[in-house]
Amino acid sequence: MTAAWAAVRVKTSYLRAQFLRIKARRGAKKAILAVAASMLTAAYHMLRDGIEYADLGPDYFDRHHVEKTIRRLLKRLADLGCNVDSIAHAV
């Protein structure tokens, strides 16, 4: 678990993005356990297949779910009081 805490301190990594995403919904303790599990899974696949670790990047979730990210950000703007009706129909 100590390695997971060290991994989430790297600002430009997939593991930090995963940690922040889960932490917002479930809390830091569950998020760090999820990151540790991801690290173990990655280590298993690296050893099994003989490949190097390839970080997916901090923007992986934004790139992977573009429409979902747009909807989430539009909702956030609406919650802040911005009129986003005309923008929401364009998407």
N, C-alpha and C. Protein backbone atom coordinates (compact mmCIF):
# COMPACT_ATOMS: atom_id res chain seq x y z
N MET A 1 0.82 -1.19 0.00
CA MET A 1 0.00 0.00 0.00
C MET A 1 0.87 1.26 0.00
N THR A 2 2.06 1.16 0.56
CA THR A 2 2.97 2.30 0.55
C THR A 2 3.35 2.67 -0.88
N ALA A 3 3.53 1.67 -1.71
CA ALA A 3 3.86 1.94 -3.11
C ALA A 3 2.71 2.66 -3.81
N ALA A 4 1.48 2.33 -3.44
CA ALA A 4 0.32 2.99 -4.04
C ALA A 4 0.28 4.46 -3.65
N TRP A 5 0.58 4.76 -2.39
CA TRP A 5 0.61 6.17 -1.96
C TRP A 5 1.69 6.93 -2.72
N ALA A 6 2.84 6.29 -2.95
CA ALA A 6 3.90 6.94 -3.71
C ALA A 6 3.48 7.14 -5.17
N ALA A 7 2.78 6.15 -5.72
CA ALA A 7 2.37 6.23 -7.13
C ALA A 7 1.37 7.35 -7.38
N VAL A 8 0.47 7.61 -6.43
CA VAL A 8 -0.53 8.65 -6.65
C VAL A 8 0.03 10.05 -6.48
N ARG A 9 1.25 10.17 -6.02
CA ARG A 9 1.88 11.48 -5.89
C ARG A 9 2.46 11.98 -7.21
N VAL A 10 2.62 11.09 -8.17
CA VAL A 10 3.12 11.48 -9.49
C VAL A 10 1.98 12.18 -10.22
N LYS A 11 2.16 13.45 -10.50
CA LYS A 11 1.05 14.28 -11.00
C LYS A 11 0.57 13.89 -12.40
N THR A 12 1.44 13.35 -13.22
CA THR A 12 1.06 13.03 -14.60
C THR A 12 1.01 11.53 -14.80
N SER A 13 0.16 10.84 -14.03
CA SER A 13 0.07 9.39 -14.18
C SER A 13 -1.37 8.93 -14.17
N TYR A 14 -1.59 7.79 -14.77
CA TYR A 14 -2.90 7.16 -14.79
C TYR A 14 -3.34 6.80 -13.38
N LEU A 15 -2.40 6.33 -12.56
CA LEU A 15 -2.76 5.90 -11.20
C LEU A 15 -3.27 7.07 -10.36
N ARG A 16 -2.71 8.26 -10.53
CA ARG A 16 -3.22 9.43 -9.82
C ARG A 16 -4.61 9.79 -10.31
N ALA A 17 -4.82 9.73 -11.61
CA ALA A 17 -6.15 10.03 -12.16
C ALA A 17 -7.17 9.04 -11.63
N GLN A 18 -6.80 7.77 -11.56
CA GLN A 18 -7.69 6.75 -11.03
C GLN A 18 -7.98 7.02 -9.56
N PHE A 19 -6.95 7.35 -8.80
CA PHE A 19 -7.12 7.64 -7.37
C PHE A 19 -8.08 8.80 -7.15
N LEU A 20 -7.87 9.91 -7.86
CA LEU A 20 -8.71 11.09 -7.68
C LEU A 20 -10.16 10.81 -8.09
N ARG A 21 -10.33 10.02 -9.13
CA ARG A 21 -11.67 9.69 -9.61
C ARG A 21 -12.44 8.85 -8.58
N ILE A 22 -11.78 7.86 -8.01
CA ILE A 22 -12.44 6.99 -7.03
C ILE A 22 -12.59 7.70 -5.69
N LYS A 23 -11.59 8.49 -5.33
CA LYS A 23 -11.62 9.21 -4.05
C LYS A 23 -12.82 10.13 -3.96
N ALA A 24 -13.21 10.74 -5.06
CA ALA A 24 -14.34 11.67 -5.06
C ALA A 24 -15.64 10.95 -4.70
N ARG A 25 -15.75 9.69 -5.07
CA ARG A 25 -16.99 8.95 -4.82
C ARG A 25 -16.94 8.09 -3.57
N ARG A 26 -15.79 7.48 -3.28
CA ARG A 26 -15.74 6.46 -2.24
C ARG A 26 -14.81 6.75 -1.08
N GLY A 27 -13.96 7.77 -1.21
CA GLY A 27 -13.04 8.09 -0.13
C GLY A 27 -11.62 7.63 -0.44
N ALA A 28 -10.67 8.19 0.31
CA ALA A 28 -9.25 7.97 0.04
C ALA A 28 -8.82 6.53 0.31
N LYS A 29 -9.33 5.92 1.38
CA LYS A 29 -8.88 4.57 1.73
C LYS A 29 -9.27 3.55 0.68
N LYS A 30 -10.50 3.61 0.21
CA LYS A 30 -10.93 2.67 -0.83
C LYS A 30 -10.24 2.97 -2.15
N ALA A 31 -9.99 4.24 -2.41
CA ALA A 31 -9.31 4.62 -3.64
C ALA A 31 -7.88 4.09 -3.66
N ILE A 32 -7.18 4.18 -2.54
CA ILE A 32 -5.79 3.71 -2.50
C ILE A 32 -5.74 2.20 -2.63
N LEU A 33 -6.73 1.50 -2.11
CA LEU A 33 -6.79 0.05 -2.27
C LEU A 33 -7.03 -0.32 -3.74
N ALA A 34 -7.86 0.46 -4.42
CA ALA A 34 -8.10 0.23 -5.85
C ALA A 34 -6.83 0.45 -6.66
N VAL A 35 -6.08 1.48 -6.31
CA VAL A 35 -4.82 1.77 -7.00
C VAL A 35 -3.82 0.64 -6.74
N ALA A 36 -3.75 0.17 -5.50
CA ALA A 36 -2.85 -0.94 -5.18
C ALA A 36 -3.23 -2.19 -5.96
N ALA A 37 -4.52 -2.46 -6.09
CA ALA A 37 -4.98 -3.61 -6.87
C ALA A 37 -4.62 -3.45 -8.34
N SER A 38 -4.74 -2.24 -8.86
CA SER A 38 -4.35 -1.99 -10.25
C SER A 38 -2.85 -2.19 -10.45
N MET A 39 -2.07 -1.79 -9.47
CA MET A 39 -0.63 -1.97 -9.57
C MET A 39 -0.27 -3.45 -9.56
N LEU A 40 -0.94 -4.23 -8.71
CA LEU A 40 -0.69 -5.68 -8.68
C LEU A 40 -1.09 -6.34 -9.99
N THR A 41 -2.22 -5.92 -10.53
CA THR A 41 -2.68 -6.47 -11.81
C THR A 41 -1.68 -6.14 -12.91
N ALA A 42 -1.20 -4.91 -12.93
CA ALA A 42 -0.22 -4.50 -13.94
C ALA A 42 1.08 -5.29 -13.79
N ALA A 43 1.52 -5.48 -12.54
CA ALA A 43 2.76 -6.24 -12.30
C ALA A 43 2.59 -7.69 -12.77
N TYR A 44 1.43 -8.27 -12.51
CA TYR A 44 1.17 -9.64 -12.95
C TYR A 44 1.27 -9.75 -14.48
N HIS A 45 0.62 -8.84 -15.18
CA HIS A 45 0.63 -8.89 -16.64
C HIS A 45 2.03 -8.60 -17.20
N MET A 46 2.77 -7.72 -16.55
CA MET A 46 4.13 -7.42 -17.00
C MET A 46 5.03 -8.65 -16.85
N LEU A 47 4.91 -9.34 -15.72
CA LEU A 47 5.72 -10.53 -15.50
C LEU A 47 5.28 -11.69 -16.39
N ARG A 48 3.97 -11.85 -16.57
CA ARG A 48 3.45 -12.95 -17.38
C ARG A 48 3.83 -12.79 -18.85
N ASP A 49 3.69 -11.55 -19.37
CA ASP A 49 3.90 -11.32 -20.79
C ASP A 49 5.31 -10.83 -21.13
N GLY A 50 6.08 -10.46 -20.11
CA GLY A 50 7.44 -9.97 -20.34
C GLY A 50 7.47 -8.62 -21.02
N ILE A 51 6.55 -7.73 -20.66
CA ILE A 51 6.49 -6.41 -21.27
C ILE A 51 6.77 -5.34 -20.22
N GLU A 52 7.08 -4.13 -20.70
CA GLU A 52 7.31 -3.00 -19.80
C GLU A 52 6.00 -2.31 -19.47
N TYR A 53 6.00 -1.58 -18.36
CA TYR A 53 4.81 -0.82 -17.96
C TYR A 53 4.61 0.37 -18.89
N ALA A 54 3.40 0.53 -19.38
CA ALA A 54 3.06 1.67 -20.23
C ALA A 54 1.94 2.45 -19.54
N ASP A 55 2.28 3.61 -19.02
CA ASP A 55 1.29 4.44 -18.33
C ASP A 55 0.28 4.98 -19.34
N LEU A 56 -0.99 4.91 -19.00
CA LEU A 56 -2.04 5.38 -19.91
C LEU A 56 -2.18 6.89 -19.92
N GLY A 57 -1.63 7.57 -18.94
CA GLY A 57 -1.65 9.03 -18.90
C GLY A 57 -2.76 9.57 -18.02
N PRO A 58 -2.58 10.80 -17.54
CA PRO A 58 -3.56 11.39 -16.61
C PRO A 58 -4.89 11.73 -17.27
N ASP A 59 -4.91 11.85 -18.59
CA ASP A 59 -6.15 12.21 -19.27
C ASP A 59 -6.83 11.00 -19.92
N TYR A 60 -6.47 9.80 -19.48
CA TYR A 60 -7.03 8.58 -20.06
C TYR A 60 -8.55 8.56 -19.98
N PHE A 61 -9.10 8.86 -18.83
CA PHE A 61 -10.56 8.78 -18.66
C PHE A 61 -11.27 9.83 -19.50
N ASP A 62 -10.67 11.00 -19.65
CA ASP A 62 -11.27 12.05 -20.49
C ASP A 62 -11.24 11.65 -21.96
N ARG A 63 -10.16 11.03 -22.40
CA ARG A 63 -10.05 10.60 -23.79
C ARG A 63 -10.93 9.39 -24.07
N HIS A 64 -11.08 8.52 -23.10
CA HIS A 64 -11.81 7.28 -23.31
C HIS A 64 -13.32 7.49 -23.33
N HIS A 65 -13.80 8.42 -22.54
CA HIS A 65 -15.24 8.68 -22.44
C HIS A 65 -15.52 10.16 -22.74
N VAL A 66 -15.38 10.55 -23.99
CA VAL A 66 -15.48 11.96 -24.37
C VAL A 66 -16.89 12.49 -24.11
N GLU A 67 -17.92 11.77 -24.57
CA GLU A 67 -19.30 12.24 -24.40
C GLU A 67 -19.66 12.34 -22.92
N LYS A 68 -19.22 11.36 -22.15
CA LYS A 68 -19.51 11.36 -20.71
C LYS A 68 -18.85 12.57 -20.03
N THR A 69 -17.63 12.89 -20.45
CA THR A 69 -16.92 14.04 -19.89
C THR A 69 -17.64 15.33 -20.25
N ILE A 70 -18.12 15.44 -21.49
CA ILE A 70 -18.84 16.64 -21.92
C ILE A 70 -20.11 16.81 -21.11
N ARG A 71 -20.88 15.74 -20.95
CA ARG A 71 -22.12 15.82 -20.17
C ARG A 71 -21.84 16.22 -18.72
N ARG A 72 -20.77 15.64 -18.14
CA ARG A 72 -20.44 15.95 -16.75
C ARG A 72 -20.06 17.43 -16.60
N LEU A 73 -19.26 17.93 -17.53
CA LEU A 73 -18.84 19.33 -17.45
C LEU A 73 -19.99 20.30 -17.72
N LEU A 74 -20.89 19.94 -18.65
CA LEU A 74 -22.07 20.77 -18.90
C LEU A 74 -22.97 20.82 -17.67
N LYS A 75 -23.12 19.69 -17.01
CA LYS A 75 -23.92 19.65 -15.78
C LYS A 75 -23.28 20.53 -14.70
N ARG A 76 -21.96 20.46 -14.62
CA ARG A 76 -21.24 21.28 -13.64
C ARG A 76 -21.44 22.77 -13.92
N LEU A 77 -21.38 23.16 -15.19
CA LEU A 77 -21.63 24.56 -15.56
C LEU A 77 -23.05 24.98 -15.20
N ALA A 78 -24.02 24.10 -15.48
CA ALA A 78 -25.41 24.41 -15.14
C ALA A 78 -25.58 24.55 -13.63
N ASP A 79 -24.90 23.71 -12.87
CA ASP A 79 -24.97 23.80 -11.40
C ASP A 79 -24.38 25.10 -10.89
N LEU A 80 -23.42 25.64 -11.64
CA LEU A 80 -22.81 26.91 -11.23
C LEU A 80 -23.62 28.12 -11.69
N GLY A 81 -24.69 27.89 -12.45
CA GLY A 81 -25.58 28.97 -12.84
C GLY A 81 -25.41 29.46 -14.26
N CYS A 82 -24.60 28.78 -15.06
CA CYS A 82 -24.42 29.18 -16.46
C CYS A 82 -25.55 28.58 -17.30
N ASN A 83 -25.98 29.34 -18.32
CA ASN A 83 -26.99 28.84 -19.22
C ASN A 83 -26.32 27.99 -20.29
N VAL A 84 -26.54 26.68 -20.26
CA VAL A 84 -25.87 25.78 -21.19
C VAL A 84 -26.85 25.03 -22.09
N ASP A 85 -28.09 25.49 -22.17
CA ASP A 85 -29.09 24.79 -22.99
C ASP A 85 -28.70 24.78 -24.46
N SER A 86 -28.23 25.90 -24.97
CA SER A 86 -27.88 25.96 -26.39
C SER A 86 -26.66 25.11 -26.70
N ILE A 87 -25.73 25.00 -25.77
CA ILE A 87 -24.54 24.19 -25.96
C ILE A 87 -24.89 22.72 -25.85
N ALA A 88 -25.75 22.36 -24.93
CA ALA A 88 -26.08 20.96 -24.70
C ALA A 88 -26.75 20.33 -25.91
N HIS A 89 -27.52 21.08 -26.67
CA HIS A 89 -28.20 20.53 -27.84
C HIS A 89 -27.23 20.33 -29.01
N ALA A 90 -26.12 21.06 -29.00
CA ALA A 90 -25.16 20.94 -30.08
C ALA A 90 -24.34 19.67 -29.95
N VAL A 91 -24.25 19.13 -28.75
CA VAL A 91 -23.43 17.94 -28.50
C VAL A 91 -24.13 16.71 -28.83
